[in-house]
Amino acid sequence: MPIENTAGVPPGIEPAIGDRLTTDDVAGLSGLTARTVVEYRSTRNRRRGPPFHYDGREVYYLLPEVLDWIDNRGTAHGRAV
């Protein structure tokens, strides 16, 4: 059963568990490729990408954090990127 979409998320993005998103979900929301989202998790790029979490070895993202990151990713350190 799909989760009710109440957070203003575009149709087609249905997190599997609560507000947890996969790398592919984040890519779809942000307009980036999944490869870029994975690259943003690397040590040198962590400040560029959305916050992420681990559940064991599984990486996941939280919907509110991703939406906040999307809203704010046009600026860095107070100036446009």
PDB file of N, CA and C in Angstrom:
ATOM      1  N   MET A   1       0.839  -1.167   0.000  1.00  0.00           N
ATOM      2  CA  MET A   1       0.000   0.000   0.000  1.00  0.00           C
ATOM      3  C   MET A   1       0.890   1.238   0.000  1.00  0.00           C
ATOM      4  N   PRO A   2       0.712   2.167  -0.946  1.00  0.00           N
ATOM      5  CA  PRO A   2       1.543   3.364  -0.979  1.00  0.00           C
ATOM      6  C   PRO A   2       1.255   4.266   0.216  1.00  0.00           C
ATOM      7  N   ILE A   3       2.281   4.995   0.608  1.00  0.00           N
ATOM      8  CA  ILE A   3       2.157   5.923   1.713  1.00  0.00           C
ATOM      9  C   ILE A   3       1.471   7.192   1.217  1.00  0.00           C
ATOM     10  N   GLU A   4       0.577   7.739   2.036  1.00  0.00           N
ATOM     11  CA  GLU A   4      -0.125   8.961   1.652  1.00  0.00           C
ATOM     12  C   GLU A   4       0.884  10.077   1.462  1.00  0.00           C
ATOM     13  N   ASN A   5       0.753  10.787   0.367  1.00  0.00           N
ATOM     14  CA  ASN A   5       1.679  11.841   0.001  1.00  0.00           C
ATOM     15  C   ASN A   5       1.164  13.170   0.548  1.00  0.00           C
ATOM     16  N   THR A   6       1.638  13.568   1.737  1.00  0.00           N
ATOM     17  CA  THR A   6       1.126  14.775   2.382  1.00  0.00           C
ATOM     18  C   THR A   6       2.159  15.885   2.474  1.00  0.00           C
ATOM     19  N   ALA A   7       3.367  15.683   2.002  1.00  0.00           N
ATOM     20  CA  ALA A   7       4.427  16.665   2.188  1.00  0.00           C
ATOM     21  C   ALA A   7       4.691  17.508   0.951  1.00  0.00           C
ATOM     22  N   GLY A   8       3.802  17.539  -0.006  1.00  0.00           N
ATOM     23  CA  GLY A   8       4.022  18.329  -1.205  1.00  0.00           C
ATOM     24  C   GLY A   8       5.061  17.733  -2.135  1.00  0.00           C
ATOM     25  N   VAL A   9       5.239  16.433  -2.058  1.00  0.00           N
ATOM     26  CA  VAL A   9       6.206  15.748  -2.901  1.00  0.00           C
ATOM     27  C   VAL A   9       5.581  15.484  -4.259  1.00  0.00           C
ATOM     28  N   PRO A  10       6.357  15.676  -5.336  1.00  0.00           N
ATOM     29  CA  PRO A  10       5.805  15.413  -6.663  1.00  0.00           C
ATOM     30  C   PRO A  10       5.285  13.991  -6.793  1.00  0.00           C
ATOM     31  N   PRO A  11       4.253  13.785  -7.610  1.00  0.00           N
ATOM     32  CA  PRO A  11       3.735  12.429  -7.818  1.00  0.00           C
ATOM     33  C   PRO A  11       4.834  11.492  -8.317  1.00  0.00           C
ATOM     34  N   GLY A  12       4.747  10.262  -7.935  1.00  0.00           N
ATOM     35  CA  GLY A  12       5.727   9.272  -8.375  1.00  0.00           C
ATOM     36  C   GLY A  12       6.829   9.034  -7.367  1.00  0.00           C
ATOM     37  N   ILE A  13       7.000   9.930  -6.397  1.00  0.00           N
ATOM     38  CA  ILE A  13       7.994   9.736  -5.349  1.00  0.00           C
ATOM     39  C   ILE A  13       7.249   9.196  -4.135  1.00  0.00           C
ATOM     40  N   GLU A  14       7.387   7.928  -3.896  1.00  0.00           N
ATOM     41  CA  GLU A  14       6.686   7.280  -2.786  1.00  0.00           C
ATOM     42  C   GLU A  14       7.709   6.600  -1.889  1.00  0.00           C
ATOM     43  N   PRO A  15       8.107   7.228  -0.782  1.00  0.00           N
ATOM     44  CA  PRO A  15       9.053   6.571   0.111  1.00  0.00           C
ATOM     45  C   PRO A  15       8.502   5.243   0.617  1.00  0.00           C
ATOM     46  N   ALA A  16       9.373   4.275   0.784  1.00  0.00           N
ATOM     47  CA  ALA A  16       8.948   2.949   1.187  1.00  0.00           C
ATOM     48  C   ALA A  16       8.582   2.887   2.668  1.00  0.00           C
ATOM     49  N   ILE A  17       9.326   3.605   3.512  1.00  0.00           N
ATOM     50  CA  ILE A  17       9.072   3.555   4.950  1.00  0.00           C
ATOM     51  C   ILE A  17       9.024   4.978   5.473  1.00  0.00           C
ATOM     52  N   GLY A  18       7.857   5.450   5.873  1.00  0.00           N
ATOM     53  CA  GLY A  18       7.738   6.790   6.436  1.00  0.00           C
ATOM     54  C   GLY A  18       8.300   7.845   5.507  1.00  0.00           C
ATOM     55  N   ASP A  19       9.173   8.664   6.040  1.00  0.00           N
ATOM     56  CA  ASP A  19       9.789   9.737   5.256  1.00  0.00           C
ATOM     57  C   ASP A  19      11.155   9.348   4.711  1.00  0.00           C
ATOM     58  N   ARG A  20      11.516   8.070   4.759  1.00  0.00           N
ATOM     59  CA  ARG A  20      12.817   7.642   4.251  1.00  0.00           C
ATOM     60  C   ARG A  20      12.813   7.625   2.732  1.00  0.00           C
ATOM     61  N   LEU A  21      13.864   8.192   2.161  1.00  0.00           N
ATOM     62  CA  LEU A  21      14.018   8.215   0.712  1.00  0.00           C
ATOM     63  C   LEU A  21      15.270   7.456   0.320  1.00  0.00           C
ATOM     64  N   THR A  22      15.232   6.876  -0.867  1.00  0.00           N
ATOM     65  CA  THR A  22      16.404   6.221  -1.430  1.00  0.00           C
ATOM     66  C   THR A  22      17.200   7.235  -2.238  1.00  0.00           C
ATOM     67  N   THR A  23      18.375   6.830  -2.675  1.00  0.00           N
ATOM     68  CA  THR A  23      19.192   7.672  -3.537  1.00  0.00           C
ATOM     69  C   THR A  23      18.430   8.025  -4.807  1.00  0.00           C
ATOM     70  N   ASP A  24      17.710   7.066  -5.381  1.00  0.00           N
ATOM     71  CA  ASP A  24      16.934   7.323  -6.593  1.00  0.00           C
ATOM     72  C   ASP A  24      15.803   8.316  -6.337  1.00  0.00           C
ATOM     73  N   ASP A  25      15.177   8.241  -5.160  1.00  0.00           N
ATOM     74  CA  ASP A  25      14.134   9.204  -4.807  1.00  0.00           C
ATOM     75  C   ASP A  25      14.699  10.621  -4.751  1.00  0.00           C
ATOM     76  N   VAL A  26      15.863  10.772  -4.109  1.00  0.00           N
ATOM     77  CA  VAL A  26      16.493  12.085  -3.992  1.00  0.00           C
ATOM     78  C   VAL A  26      16.870  12.606  -5.373  1.00  0.00           C
ATOM     79  N   ALA A  27      17.374  11.724  -6.217  1.00  0.00           N
ATOM     80  CA  ALA A  27      17.718  12.139  -7.583  1.00  0.00           C
ATOM     81  C   ALA A  27      16.478  12.646  -8.313  1.00  0.00           C
ATOM     82  N   GLY A  28      15.367  11.934  -8.183  1.00  0.00           N
ATOM     83  CA  GLY A  28      14.135  12.357  -8.844  1.00  0.00           C
ATOM     84  C   GLY A  28      13.616  13.686  -8.331  1.00  0.00           C
ATOM     85  N   LEU A  29      13.710  13.907  -7.047  1.00  0.00           N
ATOM     86  CA  LEU A  29      13.244  15.163  -6.463  1.00  0.00           C
ATOM     87  C   LEU A  29      14.130  16.340  -6.832  1.00  0.00           C
ATOM     88  N   SER A  30      15.426  16.107  -6.891  1.00  0.00           N
ATOM     89  CA  SER A  30      16.380  17.200  -7.066  1.00  0.00           C
ATOM     90  C   SER A  30      16.735  17.491  -8.517  1.00  0.00           C
ATOM     91  N   GLY A  31      16.431  16.562  -9.410  1.00  0.00           N
ATOM     92  CA  GLY A  31      16.815  16.752 -10.808  1.00  0.00           C
ATOM     93  C   GLY A  31      18.259  16.351 -11.082  1.00  0.00           C
ATOM     94  N   LEU A  32      18.916  15.749 -10.106  1.00  0.00           N
ATOM     95  CA  LEU A  32      20.274  15.255 -10.279  1.00  0.00           C
ATOM     96  C   LEU A  32      20.227  13.796 -10.689  1.00  0.00           C
ATOM     97  N   THR A  33      21.359  13.282 -11.132  1.00  0.00           N
ATOM     98  CA  THR A  33      21.435  11.851 -11.399  1.00  0.00           C
ATOM     99  C   THR A  33      21.713  11.130 -10.079  1.00  0.00           C
ATOM    100  N   ALA A  34      21.368   9.861 -10.027  1.00  0.00           N
ATOM    101  CA  ALA A  34      21.652   9.069  -8.833  1.00  0.00           C
ATOM    102  C   ALA A  34      23.160   9.036  -8.580  1.00  0.00           C
ATOM    103  N   ARG A  35      23.943   8.991  -9.630  1.00  0.00           N
ATOM    104  CA  ARG A  35      25.410   8.981  -9.490  1.00  0.00           C
ATOM    105  C   ARG A  35      25.902  10.253  -8.797  1.00  0.00           C
ATOM    106  N   THR A  36      25.320  11.405  -9.136  1.00  0.00           N
ATOM    107  CA  THR A  36      25.714  12.658  -8.499  1.00  0.00           C
ATOM    108  C   THR A  36      25.342  12.651  -7.021  1.00  0.00           C
ATOM    109  N   VAL A  37      24.164  12.133  -6.700  1.00  0.00           N
ATOM    110  CA  VAL A  37      23.744  12.048  -5.303  1.00  0.00           C
ATOM    111  C   VAL A  37      24.717  11.161  -4.522  1.00  0.00           C
ATOM    112  N   VAL A  38      25.126  10.049  -5.106  1.00  0.00           N
ATOM    113  CA  VAL A  38      26.101   9.161  -4.463  1.00  0.00           C
ATOM    114  C   VAL A  38      27.429   9.903  -4.298  1.00  0.00           C
ATOM    115  N   GLU A  39      27.853  10.628  -5.310  1.00  0.00           N
ATOM    116  CA  GLU A  39      29.109  11.383  -5.245  1.00  0.00           C
ATOM    117  C   GLU A  39      29.056  12.432  -4.139  1.00  0.00           C
ATOM    118  N   TYR A  40      27.911  13.030  -3.924  1.00  0.00           N
ATOM    119  CA  TYR A  40      27.754  14.024  -2.858  1.00  0.00           C
ATOM    120  C   TYR A  40      27.938  13.410  -1.472  1.00  0.00           C
ATOM    121  N   ARG A  41      27.836  12.096  -1.348  1.00  0.00           N
ATOM    122  CA  ARG A  41      28.079  11.435  -0.067  1.00  0.00           C
ATOM    123  C   ARG A  41      29.561  11.225   0.192  1.00  0.00           C
ATOM    124  N   SER A  42      30.410  11.414  -0.820  1.00  0.00           N
ATOM    125  CA  SER A  42      31.839  11.206  -0.628  1.00  0.00           C
ATOM    126  C   SER A  42      32.386  12.263   0.336  1.00  0.00           C
ATOM    127  N   THR A  43      33.505  11.958   0.937  1.00  0.00           N
ATOM    128  CA  THR A  43      34.091  12.834   1.946  1.00  0.00           C
ATOM    129  C   THR A  43      34.308  14.242   1.422  1.00  0.00           C
ATOM    130  N   ARG A  44      34.815  14.389   0.229  1.00  0.00           N
ATOM    131  CA  ARG A  44      35.132  15.731  -0.272  1.00  0.00           C
ATOM    132  C   ARG A  44      33.908  16.538  -0.666  1.00  0.00           C
ATOM    133  N   ASN A  45      32.762  15.891  -0.865  1.00  0.00           N
ATOM    134  CA  ASN A  45      31.565  16.603  -1.318  1.00  0.00           C
ATOM    135  C   ASN A  45      30.436  16.647  -0.298  1.00  0.00           C
ATOM    136  N   ARG A  46      30.666  16.204   0.918  1.00  0.00           N
ATOM    137  CA  ARG A  46      29.573  16.104   1.900  1.00  0.00           C
ATOM    138  C   ARG A  46      28.872  17.422   2.148  1.00  0.00           C
ATOM    139  N   ARG A  47      29.540  18.527   2.035  1.00  0.00           N
ATOM    140  CA  ARG A  47      28.904  19.820   2.269  1.00  0.00           C
ATOM    141  C   ARG A  47      27.995  20.228   1.112  1.00  0.00           C
ATOM    142  N   ARG A  48      28.102  19.577  -0.014  1.00  0.00           N
ATOM    143  CA  ARG A  48      27.285  19.932  -1.182  1.00  0.00           C
ATOM    144  C   ARG A  48      25.966  19.180  -1.231  1.00  0.00           C
ATOM    145  N   GLY A  49      25.929  17.987  -0.695  1.00  0.00           N
ATOM    146  CA  GLY A  49      24.760  17.138  -0.827  1.00  0.00           C
ATOM    147  C   GLY A  49      23.813  17.211   0.356  1.00  0.00           C
ATOM    148  N   PRO A  50      22.682  16.528   0.219  1.00  0.00           N
ATOM    149  CA  PRO A  50      21.710  16.510   1.307  1.00  0.00           C
ATOM    150  C   PRO A  50      22.210  15.640   2.467  1.00  0.00           C
ATOM    151  N   PRO A  51      21.721  15.916   3.688  1.00  0.00           N
ATOM    152  CA  PRO A  51      22.081  15.058   4.819  1.00  0.00           C
ATOM    153  C   PRO A  51      21.607  13.624   4.567  1.00  0.00           C
ATOM    154  N   PHE A  52      22.406  12.662   4.998  1.00  0.00           N
ATOM    155  CA  PHE A  52      22.034  11.263   4.818  1.00  0.00           C
ATOM    156  C   PHE A  52      22.295  10.509   6.108  1.00  0.00           C
ATOM    157  N   HIS A  53      21.716   9.334   6.199  1.00  0.00           N
ATOM    158  CA  HIS A  53      21.784   8.519   7.400  1.00  0.00           C
ATOM    159  C   HIS A  53      22.030   7.065   7.014  1.00  0.00           C
ATOM    160  N   TYR A  54      22.435   6.275   8.002  1.00  0.00           N
ATOM    161  CA  TYR A  54      22.647   4.850   7.806  1.00  0.00           C
ATOM    162  C   TYR A  54      21.712   4.055   8.708  1.00  0.00           C
ATOM    163  N   ASP A  55      21.237   2.944   8.179  1.00  0.00           N
ATOM    164  CA  ASP A  55      20.541   1.929   8.965  1.00  0.00           C
ATOM    165  C   ASP A  55      21.304   0.649   8.667  1.00  0.00           C
ATOM    166  N   GLY A  56      22.269   0.353   9.502  1.00  0.00           N
ATOM    167  CA  GLY A  56      23.199  -0.719   9.166  1.00  0.00           C
ATOM    168  C   GLY A  56      24.066  -0.243   8.020  1.00  0.00           C
ATOM    169  N   ARG A  57      23.994  -0.948   6.908  1.00  0.00           N
ATOM    170  CA  ARG A  57      24.748  -0.547   5.718  1.00  0.00           C
ATOM    171  C   ARG A  57      23.885   0.205   4.715  1.00  0.00           C
ATOM    172  N   GLU A  58      22.594   0.287   4.978  1.00  0.00           N
ATOM    173  CA  GLU A  58      21.673   0.966   4.069  1.00  0.00           C
ATOM    174  C   GLU A  58      21.736   2.476   4.284  1.00  0.00           C
ATOM    175  N   VAL A  59      21.884   3.211   3.192  1.00  0.00           N
ATOM    176  CA  VAL A  59      21.873   4.673   3.234  1.00  0.00           C
ATOM    177  C   VAL A  59      20.458   5.132   2.945  1.00  0.00           C
ATOM    178  N   TYR A  60      20.002   6.109   3.713  1.00  0.00           N
ATOM    179  CA  TYR A  60      18.693   6.682   3.442  1.00  0.00           C
ATOM    180  C   TYR A  60      18.709   8.171   3.738  1.00  0.00           C
ATOM    181  N   TYR A  61      17.734   8.854   3.218  1.00  0.00           N
ATOM    182  CA  TYR A  61      17.572  10.289   3.391  1.00  0.00           C
ATOM    183  C   TYR A  61      16.198  10.526   4.012  1.00  0.00           C
ATOM    184  N   LEU A  62      16.056  11.601   4.773  1.00  0.00           N
ATOM    185  CA  LEU A  62      14.773  11.959   5.352  1.00  0.00           C
ATOM    186  C   LEU A  62      14.129  13.050   4.504  1.00  0.00           C
ATOM    187  N   LEU A  63      12.871  12.852   4.174  1.00  0.00           N
ATOM    188  CA  LEU A  63      12.166  13.753   3.275  1.00  0.00           C
ATOM    189  C   LEU A  63      12.254  15.214   3.707  1.00  0.00           C
ATOM    190  N   PRO A  64      11.979  15.574   4.956  1.00  0.00           N
ATOM    191  CA  PRO A  64      12.052  16.996   5.325  1.00  0.00           C
ATOM    192  C   PRO A  64      13.448  17.591   5.122  1.00  0.00           C
ATOM    193  N   GLU A  65      14.500  16.804   5.413  1.00  0.00           N
ATOM    194  CA  GLU A  65      15.868  17.289   5.222  1.00  0.00           C
ATOM    195  C   GLU A  65      16.196  17.481   3.748  1.00  0.00           C
ATOM    196  N   VAL A  66      15.727  16.573   2.905  1.00  0.00           N
ATOM    197  CA  VAL A  66      15.984  16.681   1.471  1.00  0.00           C
ATOM    198  C   VAL A  66      15.245  17.890   0.896  1.00  0.00           C
ATOM    199  N   LEU A  67      14.000  18.078   1.289  1.00  0.00           N
ATOM    200  CA  LEU A  67      13.248  19.230   0.789  1.00  0.00           C
ATOM    201  C   LEU A  67      13.897  20.538   1.231  1.00  0.00           C
ATOM    202  N   ASP A  68      14.389  20.593   2.467  1.00  0.00           N
ATOM    203  CA  ASP A  68      15.090  21.783   2.956  1.00  0.00           C
ATOM    204  C   ASP A  68      16.367  22.009   2.162  1.00  0.00           C
ATOM    205  N   TRP A  69      17.118  20.946   1.894  1.00  0.00           N
ATOM    206  CA  TRP A  69      18.345  21.052   1.117  1.00  0.00           C
ATOM    207  C   TRP A  69      18.050  21.547  -0.298  1.00  0.00           C
ATOM    208  N   ILE A  70      17.008  21.036  -0.922  1.00  0.00           N
ATOM    209  CA  ILE A  70      16.630  21.484  -2.267  1.00  0.00           C
ATOM    210  C   ILE A  70      16.293  22.967  -2.241  1.00  0.00           C
ATOM    211  N   ASP A  71      15.533  23.398  -1.241  1.00  0.00           N
ATOM    212  CA  ASP A  71      15.151  24.810  -1.140  1.00  0.00           C
ATOM    213  C   ASP A  71      16.352  25.722  -0.943  1.00  0.00           C
ATOM    214  N   ASN A  72      17.401  25.231  -0.271  1.00  0.00           N
ATOM    215  CA  ASN A  72      18.533  26.076   0.094  1.00  0.00           C
ATOM    216  C   ASN A  72      19.809  25.820  -0.695  1.00  0.00           C
ATOM    217  N   ARG A  73      19.792  24.930  -1.665  1.00  0.00           N
ATOM    218  CA  ARG A  73      21.056  24.582  -2.328  1.00  0.00           C
ATOM    219  C   ARG A  73      21.533  25.623  -3.324  1.00  0.00           C
ATOM    220  N   GLY A  74      20.741  26.648  -3.613  1.00  0.00           N
ATOM    221  CA  GLY A  74      21.182  27.702  -4.525  1.00  0.00           C
ATOM    222  C   GLY A  74      22.147  28.670  -3.897  1.00  0.00           C
ATOM    223  N   THR A  75      22.335  28.611  -2.584  1.00  0.00           N
ATOM    224  CA  THR A  75      23.259  29.505  -1.925  1.00  0.00           C
ATOM    225  C   THR A  75      24.244  28.714  -1.077  1.00  0.00           C
ATOM    226  N   ALA A  76      25.415  29.243  -0.964  1.00  0.00           N
ATOM    227  CA  ALA A  76      26.438  28.651  -0.102  1.00  0.00           C
ATOM    228  C   ALA A  76      27.215  29.784   0.546  1.00  0.00           C
ATOM    229  N   HIS A  77      27.278  29.762   1.842  1.00  0.00           N
ATOM    230  CA  HIS A  77      27.995  30.783   2.584  1.00  0.00           C
ATOM    231  C   HIS A  77      27.490  32.185   2.267  1.00  0.00           C
ATOM    232  N   GLY A  78      26.174  32.282   2.066  1.00  0.00           N
ATOM    233  CA  GLY A  78      25.557  33.595   1.883  1.00  0.00           C
ATOM    234  C   GLY A  78      25.618  34.168   0.483  1.00  0.00           C
ATOM    235  N   ARG A  79      26.166  33.432  -0.459  1.00  0.00           N
ATOM    236  CA  ARG A  79      26.202  33.954  -1.825  1.00  0.00           C
ATOM    237  C   ARG A  79      25.718  32.897  -2.802  1.00  0.00           C
ATOM    238  N   ALA A  80      25.260  33.368  -3.941  1.00  0.00           N
ATOM    239  CA  ALA A  80      24.745  32.443  -4.948  1.00  0.00           C
ATOM    240  C   ALA A  80      25.849  31.561  -5.473  1.00  0.00           C
ATOM    241  N   VAL A  81      25.494  30.315  -5.763  1.00  0.00           N
ATOM    242  CA  VAL A  81      26.463  29.355  -6.305  1.00  0.00           C
ATOM    243  C   VAL A  81      26.339  29.340  -7.802  1.00  0.00           C
TER     244      VAL A  81
END
